[in-house]
Every structure is written in structure tokens, then in C-alpha cells.
């Protein structure tokens, strides 16, 4: 929780400082004939929160993204990453291991957009994502007692196929730090759409989503590079 508070407070301070610095430029007008979907450039980013979160919660996750700037208002984005978990339940002795890539696609919308004005470099945005992950996992448990014939039966499955899809809604900030370098965070609410389990076991962990449950919350803290474009 200390890490989350630090990320949140540091981002708010950066947003306030940079907003004051660029307040004057934010009032400049833009050409009236410019399209609201005019291409302004591309941004490359990587999330560092997934690496830090592995010290707090089970599982690892890493991802990178590319987004386009359309009129400083719409930012279509694709996020791709890799994540997984290797864990043994202390109470039941069930071991679960699975790593797989995941993909998200969606849109960021600039809530700070000012029509007819030159936009400030820092903004608050809303995020919408649709995501999926196709995975293979291993699961095993201590021997299970047979209630009919007696004795014990081993349970172990490897390379079990699974699939999951979900959507994400979030809010975040994007702040210019220096020249083409930016940073930002985004807090997201995740809702599972579909999960395909096998006949003998269920998906325990969904890369890019988290532990297999109906809903959860997540966050990203990104380092961003804005490709120069004129």
C-alpha cells in the first residue's frame, strides 16, 4: 500500500507542477480547419508496476504498449505482455503453474481536452480495454482418497489448455517529464467476460488479469516515450 500511495501522490504533484508551467501555452488557439482526428504521433510505453507488484502479490506480469495520438483527444492503444504464477496452496497442497502472453486493445479518452484550444501536455483520461489470454498450465495435488474402491489416486495434469477474455474500465493521468519522456498511472476495474476451462481442472490464474475471479482491480505505472512527429 505504501508503494501505491507513493505512485499516486508523486503523479498528482507532477501533474500539478507541469500544468502550472504550461498554463499559458494551454490557452493558445489551434487552426480552425484541423481535423479532430488529426494524427499527432505515437507513444511507446512500458509498465513497471507489474514488476513491483510481484513483491506484494503472487504472480508476475510485464507489458509494453503502443498508442496513437488523434487530435490530442483520442488515443487508440494496444498493450501486449507476459505473465503467470507458480504457487502451492499451503492448506490443500495444490500446486499450480502457468505462464502465457496476453493482449489488450482499446482507447484512452482525454478528459482534459479543450475544443478550439491548444492542448496542455498533461491530461487526465478514461480508459477502455478488451483483453484476452490463451494459456497452458500445470496443476497437481496430493493423492485423493477413492471413496468407493479405497486407496489413493494421484492427480496431475500438464499443458492444460485454457482461455479467458475480459474488459477493463479505468482512469489515469499522463504527464510530460522532459522533452519526449512522459510518465503516468492508470487504475482499472476488470470484469471477466468468459473463461474456458478443461474437463478436469479450472484456470487458476489469468495472465494480465490476475487470479480467476469475476472482477478485480488493477493498476499500471508507465514510463512513456513520445516519438517525435512534425
C-alpha atoms as a PDB file:
ATOM      1  CA  UNK A   1       0.000   0.000   0.000  1.00  0.00           C
ATOM      2  CA  UNK A   2       2.915   2.376   0.627  1.00  0.00           C
ATOM      3  CA  UNK A   3       4.009   1.844  -2.970  1.00  0.00           C
ATOM      4  CA  UNK A   4       0.518   2.700  -4.251  1.00  0.00           C
ATOM      5  CA  UNK A   5       0.348   5.873  -2.167  1.00  0.00           C
ATOM      6  CA  UNK A   6       3.779   6.976  -3.374  1.00  0.00           C
ATOM      7  CA  UNK A   7       2.832   6.431  -7.015  1.00  0.00           C
ATOM      8  CA  UNK A   8      -0.453   8.298  -6.615  1.00  0.00           C
ATOM      9  CA  UNK A   9       0.961  11.302  -4.743  1.00  0.00           C
ATOM     10  CA  UNK A  10       4.016  11.666  -6.979  1.00  0.00           C
ATOM     11  CA  UNK A  11       1.868  11.633 -10.107  1.00  0.00           C
ATOM     12  CA  UNK A  12      -0.547  14.243  -8.716  1.00  0.00           C
ATOM     13  CA  UNK A  13       2.352  16.542  -7.801  1.00  0.00           C
ATOM     14  CA  UNK A  14       3.909  16.148 -11.234  1.00  0.00           C
ATOM     15  CA  UNK A  15       0.585  16.831 -12.905  1.00  0.00           C
ATOM     16  CA  UNK A  16       0.021  19.994 -10.859  1.00  0.00           C
ATOM     17  CA  UNK A  17       3.566  21.289 -11.364  1.00  0.00           C
ATOM     18  CA  UNK A  18       3.601  20.671 -15.112  1.00  0.00           C
ATOM     19  CA  UNK A  19       0.095  22.074 -15.509  1.00  0.00           C
ATOM     20  CA  UNK A  20       1.160  25.347 -13.891  1.00  0.00           C
ATOM     21  CA  UNK A  21       4.278  25.513 -16.029  1.00  0.00           C
ATOM     22  CA  UNK A  22       2.341  25.128 -19.278  1.00  0.00           C
ATOM     23  CA  UNK A  23      -0.777  27.097 -18.318  1.00  0.00           C
ATOM     24  CA  UNK A  24      -0.047  29.922 -20.708  1.00  0.00           C
ATOM     25  CA  UNK A  25       0.515  27.671 -23.726  1.00  0.00           C
ATOM     26  CA  UNK A  26      -2.754  25.874 -22.976  1.00  0.00           C
ATOM     27  CA  UNK A  27      -4.718  28.959 -23.993  1.00  0.00           C
ATOM     28  CA  UNK A  28      -3.232  29.204 -27.492  1.00  0.00           C
ATOM     29  CA  UNK A  29      -5.662  28.535 -30.308  1.00  0.00           C
ATOM     30  CA  UNK A  30      -5.272  25.844 -32.970  1.00  0.00           C
ATOM     31  CA  UNK A  31      -6.074  26.096 -36.685  1.00  0.00           C
ATOM     32  CA  UNK A  32      -9.839  26.010 -37.223  1.00  0.00           C
ATOM     33  CA  UNK A  33      -9.580  23.667 -40.192  1.00  0.00           C
ATOM     34  CA  UNK A  34      -7.638  20.982 -38.298  1.00  0.00           C
ATOM     35  CA  UNK A  35      -9.423  17.643 -38.075  1.00  0.00           C
ATOM     36  CA  UNK A  36     -10.361  16.478 -34.556  1.00  0.00           C
ATOM     37  CA  UNK A  37      -8.787  13.142 -35.543  1.00  0.00           C
ATOM     38  CA  UNK A  38      -5.550  14.629 -36.890  1.00  0.00           C
ATOM     39  CA  UNK A  39      -2.627  12.284 -36.369  1.00  0.00           C
ATOM     40  CA  UNK A  40      -0.238  13.793 -33.807  1.00  0.00           C
ATOM     41  CA  UNK A  41       2.221  10.966 -33.276  1.00  0.00           C
ATOM     42  CA  UNK A  42       2.892   7.705 -31.462  1.00  0.00           C
ATOM     43  CA  UNK A  43       3.798   6.816 -27.891  1.00  0.00           C
ATOM     44  CA  UNK A  44       5.693   3.752 -26.675  1.00  0.00           C
ATOM     45  CA  UNK A  45       5.409   2.719 -23.044  1.00  0.00           C
ATOM     46  CA  UNK A  46       6.221   0.004 -20.560  1.00  0.00           C
ATOM     47  CA  UNK A  47       4.537  -0.750 -17.238  1.00  0.00           C
ATOM     48  CA  UNK A  48       6.814  -1.035 -14.209  1.00  0.00           C
ATOM     49  CA  UNK A  49       4.047  -1.593 -11.654  1.00  0.00           C
ATOM     50  CA  UNK A  50       3.646  -5.240 -12.699  1.00  0.00           C
ATOM     51  CA  UNK A  51       7.239  -5.951 -11.707  1.00  0.00           C
ATOM     52  CA  UNK A  52       6.858  -4.164  -8.358  1.00  0.00           C
ATOM     53  CA  UNK A  53       3.523  -5.843  -7.626  1.00  0.00           C
ATOM     54  CA  UNK A  54       5.168  -9.268  -7.766  1.00  0.00           C
ATOM     55  CA  UNK A  55       6.775  -8.442  -4.403  1.00  0.00           C
ATOM     56  CA  UNK A  56       3.327  -7.814  -2.877  1.00  0.00           C
ATOM     57  CA  UNK A  57       1.090 -10.391  -4.544  1.00  0.00           C
ATOM     58  CA  UNK A  58       1.676 -13.820  -6.092  1.00  0.00           C
ATOM     59  CA  UNK A  59       2.352 -13.808  -9.816  1.00  0.00           C
ATOM     60  CA  UNK A  60       4.487 -11.785 -12.218  1.00  0.00           C
ATOM     61  CA  UNK A  61       3.491  -9.565 -15.102  1.00  0.00           C
ATOM     62  CA  UNK A  62       5.273  -7.367 -17.613  1.00  0.00           C
ATOM     63  CA  UNK A  63       3.903  -5.454 -20.571  1.00  0.00           C
ATOM     64  CA  UNK A  64       4.549  -2.813 -23.219  1.00  0.00           C
ATOM     65  CA  UNK A  65       2.195  -0.693 -25.289  1.00  0.00           C
ATOM     66  CA  UNK A  66       1.950   1.469 -28.390  1.00  0.00           C
ATOM     67  CA  UNK A  67      -0.666   4.175 -28.796  1.00  0.00           C
ATOM     68  CA  UNK A  68      -1.557   6.775 -31.414  1.00  0.00           C
ATOM     69  CA  UNK A  69      -2.464  10.389 -30.712  1.00  0.00           C
ATOM     70  CA  UNK A  70      -5.509  11.505 -32.709  1.00  0.00           C
ATOM     71  CA  UNK A  71      -6.199  15.182 -32.233  1.00  0.00           C
ATOM     72  CA  UNK A  72      -4.881  15.116 -28.636  1.00  0.00           C
ATOM     73  CA  UNK A  73      -8.288  13.678 -27.732  1.00  0.00           C
ATOM     74  CA  UNK A  74      -8.442  10.024 -28.742  1.00  0.00           C
ATOM     75  CA  UNK A  75      -5.607   7.577 -28.088  1.00  0.00           C
ATOM     76  CA  UNK A  76      -6.206   4.101 -29.546  1.00  0.00           C
ATOM     77  CA  UNK A  77      -3.821   1.685 -27.857  1.00  0.00           C
ATOM     78  CA  UNK A  78      -2.548  -1.886 -27.994  1.00  0.00           C
ATOM     79  CA  UNK A  79      -0.947  -3.474 -24.920  1.00  0.00           C
ATOM     80  CA  UNK A  80       0.898  -6.796 -25.025  1.00  0.00           C
ATOM     81  CA  UNK A  81       2.539  -8.615 -22.163  1.00  0.00           C
ATOM     82  CA  UNK A  82       3.518 -11.821 -20.472  1.00  0.00           C
ATOM     83  CA  UNK A  83       2.581 -13.048 -17.019  1.00  0.00           C
ATOM     84  CA  UNK A  84       1.971 -16.056 -14.846  1.00  0.00           C
ATOM     85  CA  UNK A  85       2.183 -17.713 -11.479  1.00  0.00           C
ATOM     86  CA  UNK A  86       3.899 -20.643  -9.738  1.00  0.00           C
ATOM     87  CA  UNK A  87       2.258 -21.305  -6.387  1.00  0.00           C
ATOM     88  CA  UNK A  88       1.389 -24.089  -3.947  1.00  0.00           C
ATOM     89  CA  UNK A  89      -1.644 -23.819  -1.684  1.00  0.00           C
ATOM     90  CA  UNK A  90      -0.497 -24.228   1.920  1.00  0.00           C
ATOM     91  CA  UNK A  91      -3.820 -25.680   3.110  1.00  0.00           C
ATOM     92  CA  UNK A  92      -4.570 -28.230   0.390  1.00  0.00           C
ATOM     93  CA  UNK A  93      -1.145 -28.741  -1.187  1.00  0.00           C
ATOM     94  CA  UNK A  94      -2.428 -27.963  -4.692  1.00  0.00           C
ATOM     95  CA  UNK A  95       0.338 -26.772  -6.997  1.00  0.00           C
ATOM     96  CA  UNK A  96      -0.480 -24.506  -9.938  1.00  0.00           C
ATOM     97  CA  UNK A  97       1.949 -23.212 -12.544  1.00  0.00           C
ATOM     98  CA  UNK A  98       1.211 -21.326 -15.731  1.00  0.00           C
ATOM     99  CA  UNK A  99       2.754 -18.551 -17.833  1.00  0.00           C
ATOM    100  CA  UNK A 100       1.344 -17.081 -21.031  1.00  0.00           C
ATOM    101  CA  UNK A 101       1.120 -13.906 -23.139  1.00  0.00           C
ATOM    102  CA  UNK A 102      -1.873 -11.582 -23.056  1.00  0.00           C
ATOM    103  CA  UNK A 103      -3.204  -8.860 -25.333  1.00  0.00           C
ATOM    104  CA  UNK A 104      -5.343  -5.789 -24.742  1.00  0.00           C
ATOM    105  CA  UNK A 105      -6.775  -3.313 -27.250  1.00  0.00           C
ATOM    106  CA  UNK A 106      -8.818  -0.231 -26.588  1.00  0.00           C
ATOM    107  CA  UNK A 107      -8.934   3.536 -26.287  1.00  0.00           C
ATOM    108  CA  UNK A 108      -7.872   6.323 -23.944  1.00  0.00           C
ATOM    109  CA  UNK A 109     -10.020   9.465 -23.981  1.00  0.00           C
ATOM    110  CA  UNK A 110      -8.579  12.805 -22.879  1.00  0.00           C
ATOM    111  CA  UNK A 111     -10.975  14.310 -20.319  1.00  0.00           C
ATOM    112  CA  UNK A 112      -8.860  17.493 -20.274  1.00  0.00           C
ATOM    113  CA  UNK A 113      -9.430  18.157 -23.974  1.00  0.00           C
ATOM    114  CA  UNK A 114     -10.399  21.771 -24.735  1.00  0.00           C
ATOM    115  CA  UNK A 115     -12.150  22.308 -28.042  1.00  0.00           C
ATOM    116  CA  UNK A 116     -10.558  25.011 -30.192  1.00  0.00           C
ATOM    117  CA  UNK A 117      -7.568  25.358 -27.873  1.00  0.00           C
ATOM    118  CA  UNK A 118      -4.007  24.158 -27.998  1.00  0.00           C
ATOM    119  CA  UNK A 119      -3.943  21.266 -25.565  1.00  0.00           C
ATOM    120  CA  UNK A 120      -1.809  21.173 -22.473  1.00  0.00           C
ATOM    121  CA  UNK A 121       0.832  18.428 -22.409  1.00  0.00           C
ATOM    122  CA  UNK A 122      -0.621  16.779 -19.285  1.00  0.00           C
ATOM    123  CA  UNK A 123      -4.075  15.293 -19.064  1.00  0.00           C
ATOM    124  CA  UNK A 124      -6.499  13.071 -17.196  1.00  0.00           C
ATOM    125  CA  UNK A 125      -8.002  10.289 -19.271  1.00  0.00           C
ATOM    126  CA  UNK A 126     -10.526   7.494 -19.216  1.00  0.00           C
ATOM    127  CA  UNK A 127      -9.523   4.027 -20.386  1.00  0.00           C
ATOM    128  CA  UNK A 128     -11.444   1.225 -22.062  1.00  0.00           C
ATOM    129  CA  UNK A 129      -9.863  -2.134 -22.883  1.00  0.00           C
ATOM    130  CA  UNK A 130     -10.884  -5.512 -24.254  1.00  0.00           C
ATOM    131  CA  UNK A 131      -8.378  -8.238 -23.443  1.00  0.00           C
ATOM    132  CA  UNK A 132      -7.695 -11.938 -23.787  1.00  0.00           C
ATOM    133  CA  UNK A 133      -5.126 -14.590 -22.957  1.00  0.00           C
ATOM    134  CA  UNK A 134      -4.635 -18.115 -24.239  1.00  0.00           C
ATOM    135  CA  UNK A 135      -2.646 -20.200 -21.810  1.00  0.00           C
ATOM    136  CA  UNK A 136      -1.268 -23.593 -20.824  1.00  0.00           C
ATOM    137  CA  UNK A 137      -0.867 -24.558 -17.191  1.00  0.00           C
ATOM    138  CA  UNK A 138       0.171 -27.440 -14.929  1.00  0.00           C
ATOM    139  CA  UNK A 139      -1.818 -28.461 -11.861  1.00  0.00           C
ATOM    140  CA  UNK A 140      -1.257 -31.222  -9.325  1.00  0.00           C
ATOM    141  CA  UNK A 141      -2.394 -32.158  -5.837  1.00  0.00           C
ATOM    142  CA  UNK A 142      -1.625 -34.737  -3.132  1.00  0.00           C
ATOM    143  CA  UNK A 143      -3.208 -38.178  -3.739  1.00  0.00           C
ATOM    144  CA  UNK A 144      -7.002 -38.228  -3.447  1.00  0.00           C
ATOM    145  CA  UNK A 145      -8.746 -40.990  -1.463  1.00  0.00           C
ATOM    146  CA  UNK A 146     -11.163 -43.145  -3.520  1.00  0.00           C
ATOM    147  CA  UNK A 147     -14.426 -43.301  -1.513  1.00  0.00           C
ATOM    148  CA  UNK A 148     -15.690 -46.361  -3.442  1.00  0.00           C
ATOM    149  CA  UNK A 149     -12.753 -48.698  -4.001  1.00  0.00           C
ATOM    150  CA  UNK A 150     -10.429 -47.335  -1.352  1.00  0.00           C
ATOM    151  CA  UNK A 151      -6.812 -46.457  -1.843  1.00  0.00           C
ATOM    152  CA  UNK A 152      -5.464 -43.209  -3.182  1.00  0.00           C
ATOM    153  CA  UNK A 153      -5.461 -41.747  -6.680  1.00  0.00           C
ATOM    154  CA  UNK A 154      -2.767 -39.316  -7.864  1.00  0.00           C
ATOM    155  CA  UNK A 155      -3.869 -36.133  -9.621  1.00  0.00           C
ATOM    156  CA  UNK A 156      -1.546 -34.343 -12.015  1.00  0.00           C
ATOM    157  CA  UNK A 157      -2.203 -32.548 -15.301  1.00  0.00           C
ATOM    158  CA  UNK A 158       0.325 -30.823 -17.527  1.00  0.00           C
ATOM    159  CA  UNK A 159      -0.032 -28.482 -20.512  1.00  0.00           C
ATOM    160  CA  UNK A 160      -3.739 -27.978 -19.861  1.00  0.00           C
ATOM    161  CA  UNK A 161      -5.309 -25.514 -22.311  1.00  0.00           C
ATOM    162  CA  UNK A 162      -7.248 -22.507 -21.077  1.00  0.00           C
ATOM    163  CA  UNK A 163      -8.604 -19.251 -22.442  1.00  0.00           C
ATOM    164  CA  UNK A 164     -10.024 -16.106 -20.886  1.00  0.00           C
ATOM    165  CA  UNK A 165     -11.362 -12.749 -22.036  1.00  0.00           C
ATOM    166  CA  UNK A 166     -12.267  -9.671 -20.043  1.00  0.00           C
ATOM    167  CA  UNK A 167     -12.832  -5.923 -20.232  1.00  0.00           C
ATOM    168  CA  UNK A 168     -11.305  -3.053 -18.278  1.00  0.00           C
ATOM    169  CA  UNK A 169     -12.528   0.431 -17.353  1.00  0.00           C
ATOM    170  CA  UNK A 170     -10.139   2.884 -15.769  1.00  0.00           C
ATOM    171  CA  UNK A 171      -8.952   6.415 -15.151  1.00  0.00           C
ATOM    172  CA  UNK A 172      -5.408   7.726 -15.237  1.00  0.00           C
ATOM    173  CA  UNK A 173      -3.042  10.628 -15.796  1.00  0.00           C
ATOM    174  CA  UNK A 174      -0.342  11.206 -18.419  1.00  0.00           C
ATOM    175  CA  UNK A 175       2.377  13.720 -17.543  1.00  0.00           C
ATOM    176  CA  UNK A 176       5.218  15.209 -19.582  1.00  0.00           C
ATOM    177  CA  UNK A 177       8.518  14.952 -17.687  1.00  0.00           C
ATOM    178  CA  UNK A 178      11.236  16.104 -20.054  1.00  0.00           C
ATOM    179  CA  UNK A 179      11.259  16.558 -23.814  1.00  0.00           C
ATOM    180  CA  UNK A 180       9.724  13.368 -25.296  1.00  0.00           C
ATOM    181  CA  UNK A 181       9.670  11.492 -21.986  1.00  0.00           C
ATOM    182  CA  UNK A 182       6.426  11.078 -20.082  1.00  0.00           C
ATOM    183  CA  UNK A 183       5.039   9.042 -17.226  1.00  0.00           C
ATOM    184  CA  UNK A 184       1.606   8.107 -15.999  1.00  0.00           C
ATOM    185  CA  UNK A 185      -0.569   5.785 -13.970  1.00  0.00           C
ATOM    186  CA  UNK A 186      -3.935   4.179 -14.526  1.00  0.00           C
ATOM    187  CA  UNK A 187      -6.259   2.437 -12.057  1.00  0.00           C
ATOM    188  CA  UNK A 188      -8.597  -0.113 -13.658  1.00  0.00           C
ATOM    189  CA  UNK A 189     -11.677  -2.124 -12.819  1.00  0.00           C
ATOM    190  CA  UNK A 190     -11.560  -5.524 -14.561  1.00  0.00           C
ATOM    191  CA  UNK A 191     -14.602  -7.668 -15.340  1.00  0.00           C
ATOM    192  CA  UNK A 192     -14.269 -11.198 -16.670  1.00  0.00           C
ATOM    193  CA  UNK A 193     -16.226 -11.933 -19.852  1.00  0.00           C
ATOM    194  CA  UNK A 194     -15.503 -15.597 -20.487  1.00  0.00           C
ATOM    195  CA  UNK A 195     -13.266 -18.414 -19.263  1.00  0.00           C
ATOM    196  CA  UNK A 196     -12.771 -21.759 -20.988  1.00  0.00           C
ATOM    197  CA  UNK A 197     -11.776 -24.475 -18.505  1.00  0.00           C
ATOM    198  CA  UNK A 198     -10.767 -28.076 -19.112  1.00  0.00           C
ATOM    199  CA  UNK A 199     -12.860 -31.093 -18.136  1.00  0.00           C
ATOM    200  CA  UNK A 200     -10.665 -31.917 -15.105  1.00  0.00           C
ATOM    201  CA  UNK A 201      -9.475 -28.546 -13.820  1.00  0.00           C
ATOM    202  CA  UNK A 202     -10.174 -24.834 -13.809  1.00  0.00           C
ATOM    203  CA  UNK A 203      -7.947 -21.934 -14.804  1.00  0.00           C
ATOM    204  CA  UNK A 204      -6.457 -20.587 -11.584  1.00  0.00           C
ATOM    205  CA  UNK A 205      -4.624 -17.526 -12.858  1.00  0.00           C
ATOM    206  CA  UNK A 206      -5.273 -15.346 -15.916  1.00  0.00           C
ATOM    207  CA  UNK A 207      -2.178 -13.502 -17.228  1.00  0.00           C
ATOM    208  CA  UNK A 208      -2.906  -9.794 -17.497  1.00  0.00           C
ATOM    209  CA  UNK A 209      -5.991 -10.123 -15.283  1.00  0.00           C
ATOM    210  CA  UNK A 210      -4.968 -11.857 -12.083  1.00  0.00           C
ATOM    211  CA  UNK A 211      -6.452 -14.693 -10.060  1.00  0.00           C
ATOM    212  CA  UNK A 212      -9.500 -16.210 -11.724  1.00  0.00           C
ATOM    213  CA  UNK A 213     -12.476 -14.355 -10.269  1.00  0.00           C
ATOM    214  CA  UNK A 214     -15.409 -12.413 -11.695  1.00  0.00           C
ATOM    215  CA  UNK A 215     -13.992  -8.943 -11.038  1.00  0.00           C
ATOM    216  CA  UNK A 216     -10.865  -7.334  -9.645  1.00  0.00           C
ATOM    217  CA  UNK A 217      -8.887  -4.102  -9.654  1.00  0.00           C
ATOM    218  CA  UNK A 218      -5.512  -3.453 -11.240  1.00  0.00           C
ATOM    219  CA  UNK A 219      -3.084  -0.624 -11.882  1.00  0.00           C
ATOM    220  CA  UNK A 220      -0.307   0.362 -14.241  1.00  0.00           C
ATOM    221  CA  UNK A 221       2.530   2.824 -13.736  1.00  0.00           C
ATOM    222  CA  UNK A 222       4.088   3.541 -17.100  1.00  0.00           C
ATOM    223  CA  UNK A 223       7.254   5.074 -18.455  1.00  0.00           C
ATOM    224  CA  UNK A 224       6.421   6.613 -21.837  1.00  0.00           C
ATOM    225  CA  UNK A 225       8.412   7.836 -24.820  1.00  0.00           C
ATOM    226  CA  UNK A 226       6.672  10.091 -27.303  1.00  0.00           C
ATOM    227  CA  UNK A 227       8.068   9.617 -30.797  1.00  0.00           C
ATOM    228  CA  UNK A 228       8.967  12.986 -32.352  1.00  0.00           C
ATOM    229  CA  UNK A 229       6.462  13.958 -35.044  1.00  0.00           C
ATOM    230  CA  UNK A 230       6.064  17.108 -37.092  1.00  0.00           C
END
